[in-house]
Amino acid sequence: MRWPDQENPTRPKARIRRKQTASRNIELSLVARADTRPFKDPLGDGLASAVGTQSSAFADALRSDADALPGTYWDGAADPAPLGLATGGLAFSNVRENANSVIFDALISSGTRNPGGDRFADSENYFAPSSIYTCFSVVIKSASEAITEWTYVNADCASDLVADR
């Protein structure tokens, strides 16, 4: 991807690949370089800042909730209420590692909407879900233990995180 002004530091310097998979899901890959910051979203910015770091240390930091990325780690067993997803937020779970990658699941919650509508006096009640969730997996690839790129892949939400929220 080329931006009109490559010297503009506010635009991400990443190549975006779009691939249609067999299941008709669209997979977006951000092939990042060390100078790929800043992104508009905190997760993308955090992933960009991780480029060049040791992948196993990054996975350990995710599991320990040591501010590796904005959001909160959920181990899959604890009560998810303290994650604060009812007010909106980001949660990570199911961190797994193999030889050249770290994979984790992410959930972004909109928070609970006011069922009576928005702040405008003439608004109508919502006829949509009270909360919206976006779930995906992040595949972080590494070479010689250093993070080189990441990919977002569609995934189902963990039922414990979205139940009765």
Protein backbone atom coordinates (compact mmCIF):
# COMPACT_ATOMS: atom_id res chain seq x y z
CA MET A 1 0.00 0.00 0.00
CA ARG A 2 1.35 3.42 -0.87
CA TRP A 3 0.11 6.58 0.75
CA PRO A 4 0.20 9.81 -1.24
CA ASP A 5 2.70 11.24 1.21
CA GLN A 6 5.10 8.50 2.37
CA GLU A 7 6.86 10.96 4.66
CA ASN A 8 3.68 11.62 6.69
CA PRO A 9 4.39 9.92 10.05
CA THR A 10 0.72 9.75 11.02
CA ARG A 11 -0.11 7.22 8.32
CA PRO A 12 0.69 3.54 8.90
CA LYS A 13 3.48 2.10 6.82
CA ALA A 14 2.12 -1.38 6.36
CA ARG A 15 1.17 -3.52 3.44
CA ILE A 16 -2.39 -4.81 3.64
CA ARG A 17 -3.17 -8.14 2.02
CA ARG A 18 -6.75 -9.24 1.52
CA LYS A 19 -7.44 -12.90 0.87
CA GLN A 20 -10.73 -14.73 0.41
CA THR A 21 -10.60 -18.03 2.29
CA ALA A 22 -12.43 -21.25 1.45
CA SER A 23 -15.06 -20.52 4.11
CA ARG A 24 -15.71 -17.12 2.46
CA ASN A 25 -14.22 -15.28 5.42
CA ILE A 26 -12.00 -12.40 4.50
CA GLU A 27 -8.59 -12.45 6.09
CA LEU A 28 -6.75 -9.16 6.45
CA SER A 29 -3.03 -9.27 6.97
CA LEU A 30 -1.05 -6.29 8.09
CA VAL A 31 2.54 -6.95 7.23
CA ALA A 32 4.15 -4.55 9.61
CA ARG A 33 7.52 -2.95 9.81
CA ALA A 34 9.07 -1.35 12.86
CA ASP A 35 7.90 2.10 11.70
CA THR A 36 4.23 1.11 11.31
CA ARG A 37 2.90 3.48 13.99
CA PRO A 38 0.54 5.11 14.80
CA PHE A 39 -2.69 3.29 14.04
CA LYS A 40 -6.12 4.72 14.72
CA ASP A 41 -6.99 1.93 17.14
CA PRO A 42 -5.07 1.08 20.33
CA LEU A 43 -4.83 -2.63 19.45
CA GLY A 44 -3.20 -1.97 16.07
CA ASP A 45 -0.89 0.56 17.67
CA GLY A 46 0.08 -1.95 20.37
CA LEU A 47 0.74 -4.68 17.81
CA ALA A 48 2.84 -2.29 15.74
CA SER A 49 4.94 -1.40 18.78
CA ALA A 50 5.53 -5.13 19.40
CA VAL A 51 7.29 -5.61 16.04
CA GLY A 52 10.87 -6.61 16.75
CA THR A 53 10.23 -7.84 20.31
CA GLN A 54 10.73 -11.45 21.34
CA SER A 55 7.56 -13.43 20.62
CA SER A 56 7.72 -15.69 23.69
CA ALA A 57 8.20 -12.69 26.00
CA PHE A 58 5.24 -10.99 24.31
CA ALA A 59 3.05 -14.09 24.88
CA ASP A 60 4.10 -14.22 28.55
CA ALA A 61 3.27 -10.51 28.92
CA LEU A 62 -0.19 -11.10 27.41
CA ARG A 63 -0.89 -13.91 29.88
CA SER A 64 0.29 -11.89 32.86
CA ASP A 65 -1.72 -8.81 31.85
CA ALA A 66 1.49 -6.77 31.92
CA ASP A 67 0.28 -4.07 29.51
CA ALA A 68 1.57 -5.87 26.42
CA LEU A 69 -1.54 -4.58 24.65
CA PRO A 70 -4.46 -2.41 25.72
CA GLY A 71 -7.10 -4.69 27.17
CA THR A 72 -7.36 -7.39 29.79
CA TYR A 73 -6.30 -11.03 29.73
CA TRP A 74 -8.94 -13.63 30.59
CA ASP A 75 -7.73 -17.15 31.45
CA GLY A 76 -11.00 -18.83 30.45
CA ALA A 77 -11.80 -20.03 33.96
CA ALA A 78 -12.23 -16.89 36.06
CA ASP A 79 -15.46 -14.94 36.29
CA PRO A 80 -15.45 -12.54 33.30
CA ALA A 81 -17.40 -9.80 35.15
CA PRO A 82 -14.22 -7.98 36.35
CA LEU A 83 -13.16 -7.53 32.71
CA GLY A 84 -15.67 -4.69 32.50
CA LEU A 85 -17.05 -5.69 29.10
CA ALA A 86 -20.50 -4.40 30.08
CA THR A 87 -19.08 -0.88 29.82
CA GLY A 88 -17.05 -1.62 26.68
CA GLY A 89 -13.54 -2.87 26.32
CA LEU A 90 -11.10 -5.40 24.95
CA ALA A 91 -10.33 -8.86 26.32
CA PHE A 92 -7.72 -11.43 25.25
CA SER A 93 -7.88 -15.16 25.84
CA ASN A 94 -6.60 -18.52 24.65
CA VAL A 95 -2.96 -17.51 24.10
CA ARG A 96 -1.07 -20.26 22.33
CA GLU A 97 2.43 -20.51 20.92
CA ASN A 98 4.18 -22.63 18.34
CA ALA A 99 7.57 -22.47 16.64
CA ASN A 100 7.02 -19.33 14.58
CA SER A 101 3.85 -17.72 15.89
CA VAL A 102 1.79 -16.58 18.85
CA ILE A 103 -1.98 -16.77 18.47
CA PHE A 104 -4.62 -15.31 20.77
CA ASP A 105 -8.33 -14.59 20.65
CA ALA A 106 -9.64 -11.06 21.10
CA LEU A 107 -13.09 -9.72 21.91
CA ILE A 108 -14.09 -6.07 21.58
CA SER A 109 -17.30 -5.10 23.36
CA SER A 110 -19.34 -1.99 22.63
CA GLY A 111 -20.70 -1.96 26.14
CA THR A 112 -24.38 -2.06 26.99
CA ARG A 113 -26.57 0.41 25.11
CA ASN A 114 -29.32 2.38 26.74
CA PRO A 115 -32.45 0.47 25.66
CA GLY A 116 -34.41 3.73 25.67
CA GLY A 117 -32.44 5.16 22.78
CA ASP A 118 -29.70 7.72 22.52
CA ARG A 119 -29.50 11.12 24.18
CA PHE A 120 -31.90 12.83 21.78
CA ALA A 121 -35.45 13.44 23.02
CA ASP A 122 -37.03 12.26 19.78
CA SER A 123 -35.07 9.01 19.57
CA GLU A 124 -36.80 5.67 19.46
CA ASN A 125 -36.00 2.58 21.44
CA TYR A 126 -33.26 0.34 20.08
CA PHE A 127 -34.41 -2.73 18.23
CA ALA A 128 -30.94 -4.20 18.11
CA PRO A 129 -28.88 -6.22 20.58
CA SER A 130 -28.03 -4.41 23.79
CA SER A 131 -24.31 -5.02 23.16
CA ILE A 132 -22.25 -5.59 20.04
CA TYR A 133 -19.22 -7.89 20.11
CA THR A 134 -16.43 -8.22 17.58
CA CYS A 135 -14.35 -11.35 17.91
CA PHE A 136 -11.26 -12.42 16.03
CA SER A 137 -7.97 -14.22 16.43
CA VAL A 138 -4.64 -12.48 16.08
CA VAL A 139 -1.82 -14.50 14.55
CA ILE A 140 1.56 -12.95 15.30
CA LYS A 141 4.36 -14.33 13.16
CA SER A 142 8.01 -14.24 14.08
CA ALA A 143 11.38 -14.92 12.51
CA SER A 144 14.32 -15.77 14.77
CA GLU A 145 12.02 -15.20 17.77
CA ALA A 146 11.38 -11.55 16.78
CA ILE A 147 7.83 -10.48 15.88
CA THR A 148 7.63 -9.52 12.21
CA GLU A 149 3.93 -9.32 11.30
CA TRP A 150 0.39 -10.10 12.42
CA THR A 151 -2.91 -11.16 10.90
CA TYR A 152 -6.52 -10.77 12.06
CA VAL A 153 -8.68 -13.85 11.40
CA ASN A 154 -12.44 -14.11 12.02
CA ALA A 155 -13.32 -16.19 15.09
CA ASP A 156 -16.35 -17.00 17.21
CA CYS A 157 -16.79 -15.22 20.53
CA ALA A 158 -16.15 -17.18 23.71
CA SER A 159 -19.66 -17.90 24.98
CA ASP A 160 -18.69 -17.16 28.60
CA LEU A 161 -17.66 -13.62 27.63
CA VAL A 162 -20.89 -12.71 25.83
CA ALA A 163 -23.47 -14.60 27.93
CA ASP A 164 -25.98 -12.33 29.65
CA ARG A 165 -23.97 -9.15 29.13
